[in-house]
Amino acid sequence: MKVISLTEPFATLIKEGKKRVETRSWKTNYRGELYIHASTTKIPKMWRENQEIMGLVSDKNMNYGKIICSCELVDCIYMDKNFVENMKNNHQEYICGIYEEGRYAWILENIKIVNRSEIVKGHLGIWNYHE
């Protein structure tokens, strides 16, 4: 199974259905099922101190090191000026990503919670998890 590791609180925001676009500096041609892994990296200070973002997370106990949900990666959109401007109309989504021209928006659908208790070592990029 393909996996992407995200720092908290963003992995949990996806799990809870509050974030459906993952912003990246790189594109991917991969489309299909994808696990979301909450990395072991602690929440960076700039996000931890952002009360608006942290207020969106209902599960205050983060799932560091665990695969927490699955989804379908259905598209990878290059962010041009119009895309960035349009995303400003979806305030919640906009504050949960880095929307800048030249970056990419990974569109996630069919998010399903996965209950796994084991800690898994994350990796950069899209990586393979063998159960």
N, C-alpha and C. Protein backbone atom coordinates (compact mmCIF):
# COMPACT_ATOMS: atom_id res chain seq x y z
N MET A 1 0.84 -1.18 0.00
CA MET A 1 0.00 0.00 0.00
C MET A 1 0.89 1.24 0.00
N LYS A 2 0.51 2.24 -0.76
CA LYS A 2 1.23 3.52 -0.81
C LYS A 2 0.85 4.35 0.42
N VAL A 3 1.83 5.08 0.94
CA VAL A 3 1.64 5.87 2.17
C VAL A 3 2.33 7.22 2.00
N ILE A 4 1.77 8.23 2.64
CA ILE A 4 2.47 9.51 2.79
C ILE A 4 2.46 9.89 4.26
N SER A 5 3.59 10.33 4.76
CA SER A 5 3.71 10.77 6.15
C SER A 5 3.48 12.27 6.22
N LEU A 6 2.63 12.68 7.17
CA LEU A 6 2.33 14.09 7.38
C LEU A 6 2.55 14.42 8.85
N THR A 7 2.98 15.63 9.11
CA THR A 7 3.08 16.05 10.51
C THR A 7 1.68 16.31 11.04
N GLU A 8 1.58 16.21 12.35
CA GLU A 8 0.33 16.58 13.00
C GLU A 8 0.29 18.11 13.11
N PRO A 9 -0.84 18.74 13.11
CA PRO A 9 -2.17 18.17 13.22
C PRO A 9 -2.79 17.80 11.86
N PHE A 10 -2.02 17.92 10.78
CA PHE A 10 -2.58 17.78 9.44
C PHE A 10 -3.04 16.36 9.12
N ALA A 11 -2.33 15.36 9.63
CA ALA A 11 -2.78 13.98 9.42
C ALA A 11 -4.14 13.77 10.09
N THR A 12 -4.29 14.25 11.30
CA THR A 12 -5.56 14.11 12.02
C THR A 12 -6.67 14.92 11.36
N LEU A 13 -6.35 16.09 10.83
CA LEU A 13 -7.36 16.89 10.13
C LEU A 13 -7.89 16.15 8.91
N ILE A 14 -7.03 15.42 8.22
CA ILE A 14 -7.49 14.59 7.10
C ILE A 14 -8.36 13.47 7.62
N LYS A 15 -7.90 12.78 8.66
CA LYS A 15 -8.67 11.68 9.24
C LYS A 15 -10.07 12.13 9.64
N GLU A 16 -10.18 13.32 10.17
CA GLU A 16 -11.46 13.83 10.64
C GLU A 16 -12.29 14.47 9.52
N GLY A 17 -11.78 14.44 8.29
CA GLY A 17 -12.52 14.99 7.16
C GLY A 17 -12.53 16.51 7.09
N LYS A 18 -11.65 17.16 7.83
CA LYS A 18 -11.61 18.62 7.86
C LYS A 18 -10.60 19.19 6.88
N LYS A 19 -9.80 18.33 6.29
CA LYS A 19 -8.80 18.73 5.30
C LYS A 19 -8.85 17.70 4.19
N ARG A 20 -9.08 18.16 2.96
CA ARG A 20 -9.19 17.25 1.82
C ARG A 20 -8.20 17.58 0.72
N VAL A 21 -7.35 18.56 0.97
CA VAL A 21 -6.33 18.94 0.01
C VAL A 21 -4.99 18.98 0.75
N GLU A 22 -4.05 18.20 0.29
CA GLU A 22 -2.70 18.22 0.85
C GLU A 22 -1.83 19.05 -0.09
N THR A 23 -1.17 20.07 0.43
CA THR A 23 -0.34 20.93 -0.41
C THR A 23 1.11 20.48 -0.32
N ARG A 24 1.75 20.45 -1.47
CA ARG A 24 3.13 19.97 -1.58
C ARG A 24 3.92 20.85 -2.53
N SER A 25 5.23 20.82 -2.40
CA SER A 25 6.10 21.54 -3.33
C SER A 25 6.40 20.70 -4.56
N TRP A 26 5.98 19.45 -4.55
CA TRP A 26 6.27 18.54 -5.66
C TRP A 26 5.00 17.83 -6.13
N LYS A 27 5.01 17.48 -7.41
CA LYS A 27 3.85 16.80 -7.97
C LYS A 27 4.05 15.29 -7.93
N THR A 28 2.96 14.58 -8.10
CA THR A 28 3.02 13.13 -8.21
C THR A 28 2.10 12.70 -9.35
N ASN A 29 2.50 11.67 -10.04
CA ASN A 29 1.65 11.07 -11.07
C ASN A 29 0.81 9.95 -10.48
N TYR A 30 1.07 9.59 -9.22
CA TYR A 30 0.33 8.50 -8.58
C TYR A 30 -1.12 8.92 -8.35
N ARG A 31 -2.03 8.01 -8.67
CA ARG A 31 -3.44 8.17 -8.34
C ARG A 31 -3.89 6.84 -7.77
N GLY A 32 -4.69 6.88 -6.73
CA GLY A 32 -5.19 5.66 -6.15
C GLY A 32 -5.21 5.70 -4.64
N GLU A 33 -5.37 4.51 -4.05
CA GLU A 33 -5.49 4.41 -2.61
C GLU A 33 -4.17 4.80 -1.94
N LEU A 34 -4.32 5.50 -0.82
CA LEU A 34 -3.16 6.05 -0.12
C LEU A 34 -3.46 6.04 1.38
N TYR A 35 -2.52 5.53 2.16
CA TYR A 35 -2.62 5.63 3.61
C TYR A 35 -2.04 6.98 4.04
N ILE A 36 -2.61 7.54 5.10
CA ILE A 36 -2.07 8.74 5.73
C ILE A 36 -1.41 8.30 7.03
N HIS A 37 -0.13 8.62 7.16
CA HIS A 37 0.68 8.28 8.33
C HIS A 37 0.99 9.56 9.10
N ALA A 38 0.70 9.57 10.39
CA ALA A 38 1.05 10.70 11.24
C ALA A 38 2.50 10.52 11.67
N SER A 39 3.36 11.40 11.20
CA SER A 39 4.79 11.24 11.49
C SER A 39 5.06 11.42 12.99
N THR A 40 6.24 11.02 13.40
CA THR A 40 6.63 11.15 14.81
C THR A 40 7.14 12.56 15.13
N THR A 41 7.29 13.39 14.10
CA THR A 41 7.72 14.77 14.31
C THR A 41 6.66 15.53 15.09
N LYS A 42 7.07 16.19 16.13
CA LYS A 42 6.13 16.98 16.93
C LYS A 42 5.62 18.17 16.12
N ILE A 43 4.49 18.70 16.51
CA ILE A 43 3.87 19.81 15.80
C ILE A 43 4.82 21.00 15.82
N PRO A 44 5.19 21.52 14.64
CA PRO A 44 6.05 22.71 14.61
C PRO A 44 5.39 23.89 15.34
N LYS A 45 6.21 24.70 15.98
CA LYS A 45 5.72 25.80 16.81
C LYS A 45 4.75 26.72 16.06
N MET A 46 5.05 27.03 14.80
CA MET A 46 4.18 27.96 14.05
C MET A 46 2.76 27.42 13.91
N TRP A 47 2.62 26.09 13.82
CA TRP A 47 1.28 25.50 13.72
C TRP A 47 0.68 25.30 15.11
N ARG A 48 1.50 24.87 16.06
CA ARG A 48 1.02 24.61 17.43
C ARG A 48 0.44 25.88 18.05
N GLU A 49 1.02 27.04 17.71
CA GLU A 49 0.56 28.30 18.27
C GLU A 49 -0.59 28.93 17.47
N ASN A 50 -0.96 28.30 16.38
CA ASN A 50 -2.06 28.81 15.56
C ASN A 50 -3.37 28.27 16.13
N GLN A 51 -4.05 29.09 16.92
CA GLN A 51 -5.26 28.65 17.61
C GLN A 51 -6.38 28.28 16.66
N GLU A 52 -6.42 28.92 15.51
CA GLU A 52 -7.48 28.61 14.54
C GLU A 52 -7.32 27.19 14.00
N ILE A 53 -6.10 26.81 13.65
CA ILE A 53 -5.86 25.45 13.15
C ILE A 53 -6.03 24.44 14.27
N MET A 54 -5.42 24.68 15.42
CA MET A 54 -5.51 23.73 16.52
C MET A 54 -6.94 23.58 17.03
N GLY A 55 -7.75 24.62 16.87
CA GLY A 55 -9.14 24.55 17.26
C GLY A 55 -9.97 23.63 16.37
N LEU A 56 -9.46 23.31 15.18
CA LEU A 56 -10.16 22.40 14.27
C LEU A 56 -10.00 20.94 14.66
N VAL A 57 -8.97 20.64 15.44
CA VAL A 57 -8.66 19.25 15.77
C VAL A 57 -9.45 18.83 16.99
N SER A 58 -10.37 17.89 16.80
CA SER A 58 -11.15 17.43 17.94
C SER A 58 -10.40 16.36 18.73
N ASP A 59 -9.52 15.62 18.05
CA ASP A 59 -8.73 14.58 18.72
C ASP A 59 -7.42 15.21 19.18
N LYS A 60 -7.42 15.75 20.38
CA LYS A 60 -6.22 16.44 20.89
C LYS A 60 -5.07 15.46 21.18
N ASN A 61 -5.38 14.17 21.28
CA ASN A 61 -4.34 13.16 21.44
C ASN A 61 -3.89 12.74 20.05
N MET A 62 -2.78 13.29 19.62
CA MET A 62 -2.30 13.02 18.27
C MET A 62 -1.82 11.57 18.16
N ASN A 63 -1.80 11.08 16.95
CA ASN A 63 -1.47 9.68 16.67
C ASN A 63 -0.07 9.53 16.11
N TYR A 64 0.90 10.11 16.77
CA TYR A 64 2.28 10.11 16.28
C TYR A 64 2.75 8.70 15.93
N GLY A 65 3.26 8.56 14.70
CA GLY A 65 3.87 7.31 14.27
C GLY A 65 2.90 6.25 13.78
N LYS A 66 1.62 6.59 13.66
CA LYS A 66 0.62 5.59 13.28
C LYS A 66 0.00 5.91 11.91
N ILE A 67 -0.40 4.86 11.22
CA ILE A 67 -1.21 5.00 10.03
C ILE A 67 -2.64 5.18 10.53
N ILE A 68 -3.27 6.31 10.19
CA ILE A 68 -4.54 6.64 10.82
C ILE A 68 -5.75 6.64 9.88
N CYS A 69 -5.51 6.71 8.57
CA CYS A 69 -6.64 6.65 7.65
C CYS A 69 -6.17 6.29 6.25
N SER A 70 -7.14 5.95 5.45
CA SER A 70 -6.87 5.72 4.04
C SER A 70 -7.70 6.71 3.24
N CYS A 71 -7.31 6.95 2.01
CA CYS A 71 -8.05 7.85 1.14
C CYS A 71 -7.69 7.50 -0.30
N GLU A 72 -8.33 8.19 -1.20
CA GLU A 72 -7.97 8.07 -2.61
C GLU A 72 -7.36 9.39 -3.04
N LEU A 73 -6.17 9.32 -3.61
CA LEU A 73 -5.55 10.49 -4.22
C LEU A 73 -6.08 10.54 -5.64
N VAL A 74 -6.95 11.52 -5.92
CA VAL A 74 -7.65 11.54 -7.21
C VAL A 74 -7.09 12.55 -8.20
N ASP A 75 -6.33 13.52 -7.71
CA ASP A 75 -5.76 14.51 -8.62
C ASP A 75 -4.60 15.23 -7.96
N CYS A 76 -3.76 15.81 -8.80
CA CYS A 76 -2.63 16.62 -8.35
C CYS A 76 -2.64 17.85 -9.24
N ILE A 77 -3.00 18.98 -8.67
CA ILE A 77 -3.24 20.20 -9.44
C ILE A 77 -2.10 21.21 -9.21
N TYR A 78 -1.56 21.71 -10.30
CA TYR A 78 -0.57 22.78 -10.23
C TYR A 78 -1.27 24.05 -9.79
N MET A 79 -0.75 24.72 -8.78
CA MET A 79 -1.38 25.93 -8.27
C MET A 79 -0.92 27.14 -9.07
N ASP A 80 -1.86 27.68 -9.84
CA ASP A 80 -1.59 28.96 -10.49
C ASP A 80 -2.29 30.05 -9.67
N LYS A 81 -2.19 31.28 -10.14
CA LYS A 81 -2.76 32.41 -9.40
C LYS A 81 -4.27 32.23 -9.18
N ASN A 82 -5.00 31.80 -10.20
CA ASN A 82 -6.45 31.62 -10.08
C ASN A 82 -6.80 30.54 -9.07
N PHE A 83 -6.05 29.43 -9.08
CA PHE A 83 -6.32 28.35 -8.13
C PHE A 83 -6.15 28.85 -6.70
N VAL A 84 -5.06 29.55 -6.45
CA VAL A 84 -4.78 30.07 -5.10
C VAL A 84 -5.89 31.04 -4.68
N GLU A 85 -6.29 31.93 -5.56
CA GLU A 85 -7.35 32.89 -5.24
C GLU A 85 -8.66 32.17 -4.94
N ASN A 86 -9.00 31.16 -5.73
CA ASN A 86 -10.24 30.40 -5.51
C ASN A 86 -10.22 29.65 -4.18
N MET A 87 -9.06 29.15 -3.78
CA MET A 87 -8.97 28.42 -2.51
C MET A 87 -9.22 29.33 -1.31
N LYS A 88 -8.98 30.61 -1.48
CA LYS A 88 -9.24 31.56 -0.37
C LYS A 88 -10.72 31.58 0.00
N ASN A 89 -11.58 31.14 -0.91
CA ASN A 89 -13.02 31.08 -0.64
C ASN A 89 -13.38 29.92 0.29
N ASN A 90 -12.47 28.97 0.46
CA ASN A 90 -12.67 27.85 1.39
C ASN A 90 -11.69 28.07 2.55
N HIS A 91 -12.08 28.94 3.47
CA HIS A 91 -11.17 29.39 4.52
C HIS A 91 -10.54 28.23 5.30
N GLN A 92 -11.35 27.28 5.72
CA GLN A 92 -10.82 26.17 6.53
C GLN A 92 -9.75 25.41 5.76
N GLU A 93 -10.01 25.08 4.52
CA GLU A 93 -9.03 24.36 3.72
C GLU A 93 -7.80 25.24 3.50
N TYR A 94 -8.02 26.50 3.24
CA TYR A 94 -6.92 27.43 2.94
C TYR A 94 -5.95 27.55 4.11
N ILE A 95 -6.46 27.64 5.33
CA ILE A 95 -5.55 27.80 6.48
C ILE A 95 -4.80 26.50 6.81
N CYS A 96 -5.27 25.38 6.27
CA CYS A 96 -4.65 24.08 6.58
C CYS A 96 -3.60 23.66 5.54
N GLY A 97 -3.19 24.58 4.70
CA GLY A 97 -2.19 24.24 3.70
C GLY A 97 -1.33 25.44 3.37
N ILE A 98 -0.39 25.24 2.48
CA ILE A 98 0.45 26.33 1.99
C ILE A 98 0.08 26.53 0.53
N TYR A 99 -0.75 27.53 0.29
CA TYR A 99 -1.26 27.80 -1.05
C TYR A 99 -0.46 28.94 -1.66
N GLU A 100 0.45 28.56 -2.55
CA GLU A 100 1.30 29.51 -3.25
C GLU A 100 1.45 29.06 -4.69
N GLU A 101 1.54 30.03 -5.59
CA GLU A 101 1.77 29.71 -6.99
C GLU A 101 3.02 28.85 -7.13
N GLY A 102 2.93 27.82 -7.99
CA GLY A 102 4.07 26.94 -8.22
C GLY A 102 4.07 25.69 -7.37
N ARG A 103 3.18 25.61 -6.38
CA ARG A 103 3.07 24.41 -5.55
C ARG A 103 1.97 23.52 -6.13
N TYR A 104 1.70 22.40 -5.45
CA TYR A 104 0.72 21.43 -5.95
C TYR A 104 -0.32 21.11 -4.88
N ALA A 105 -1.54 20.90 -5.34
CA ALA A 105 -2.66 20.54 -4.46
C ALA A 105 -3.03 19.09 -4.77
N TRP A 106 -2.86 18.22 -3.78
CA TRP A 106 -3.24 16.82 -3.91
C TRP A 106 -4.67 16.69 -3.41
N ILE A 107 -5.56 16.26 -4.27
CA ILE A 107 -6.98 16.17 -3.93
C ILE A 107 -7.28 14.77 -3.39
N LEU A 108 -7.81 14.74 -2.16
CA LEU A 108 -8.07 13.48 -1.45
C LEU A 108 -9.59 13.27 -1.32
N GLU A 109 -10.03 12.06 -1.59
CA GLU A 109 -11.45 11.71 -1.45
C GLU A 109 -11.57 10.37 -0.73
N ASN A 110 -12.80 10.03 -0.37
CA ASN A 110 -13.12 8.74 0.26
C ASN A 110 -12.23 8.42 1.46
N ILE A 111 -12.18 9.35 2.39
CA ILE A 111 -11.34 9.19 3.58
C ILE A 111 -12.02 8.22 4.53
N LYS A 112 -11.24 7.23 4.99
CA LYS A 112 -11.76 6.22 5.91
C LYS A 112 -10.76 6.04 7.06
N ILE A 113 -11.29 6.02 8.27
CA ILE A 113 -10.44 5.83 9.45
C ILE A 113 -9.88 4.42 9.46
N VAL A 114 -8.61 4.31 9.82
CA VAL A 114 -7.92 3.02 9.95
C VAL A 114 -7.45 2.94 11.40
N ASN A 115 -7.81 1.89 12.09
CA ASN A 115 -7.40 1.73 13.48
C ASN A 115 -6.22 0.77 13.57
N ARG A 116 -5.05 1.33 13.67
CA ARG A 116 -3.82 0.55 13.81
C ARG A 116 -3.11 1.04 15.07
N SER A 117 -2.65 0.12 15.86
CA SER A 117 -2.00 0.51 17.11
C SER A 117 -0.47 0.53 17.00
N GLU A 118 0.08 -0.16 16.00
CA GLU A 118 1.54 -0.23 15.92
C GLU A 118 2.14 1.08 15.42
N ILE A 119 3.32 1.36 15.92
CA ILE A 119 4.08 2.54 15.48
C ILE A 119 4.86 2.13 14.23
N VAL A 120 4.79 2.98 13.22
CA VAL A 120 5.44 2.72 11.94
C VAL A 120 6.40 3.85 11.66
N LYS A 121 7.60 3.50 11.20
CA LYS A 121 8.58 4.52 10.84
C LYS A 121 8.17 5.13 9.51
N GLY A 122 8.07 6.45 9.48
CA GLY A 122 7.69 7.15 8.27
C GLY A 122 8.88 7.38 7.35
N HIS A 123 8.59 7.90 6.18
CA HIS A 123 9.61 8.19 5.17
C HIS A 123 9.20 9.45 4.42
N LEU A 124 10.14 10.01 3.68
CA LEU A 124 9.84 11.15 2.82
C LEU A 124 9.19 10.64 1.54
N GLY A 125 8.40 11.48 0.92
CA GLY A 125 7.76 11.12 -0.34
C GLY A 125 6.67 10.08 -0.13
N ILE A 126 6.23 9.50 -1.23
CA ILE A 126 5.27 8.40 -1.15
C ILE A 126 6.07 7.12 -0.99
N TRP A 127 5.70 6.32 0.00
CA TRP A 127 6.46 5.11 0.29
C TRP A 127 5.51 3.92 0.39
N ASN A 128 6.08 2.73 0.37
CA ASN A 128 5.29 1.49 0.41
C ASN A 128 5.26 0.92 1.82
N TYR A 129 4.08 0.53 2.24
CA TYR A 129 3.90 -0.15 3.52
C TYR A 129 3.43 -1.56 3.25
N HIS A 130 4.14 -2.51 3.81
CA HIS A 130 3.78 -3.92 3.65
C HIS A 130 3.25 -4.43 4.98
N GLU A 131 1.99 -4.80 4.97
CA GLU A 131 1.35 -5.27 6.22
C GLU A 131 1.83 -6.65 6.59
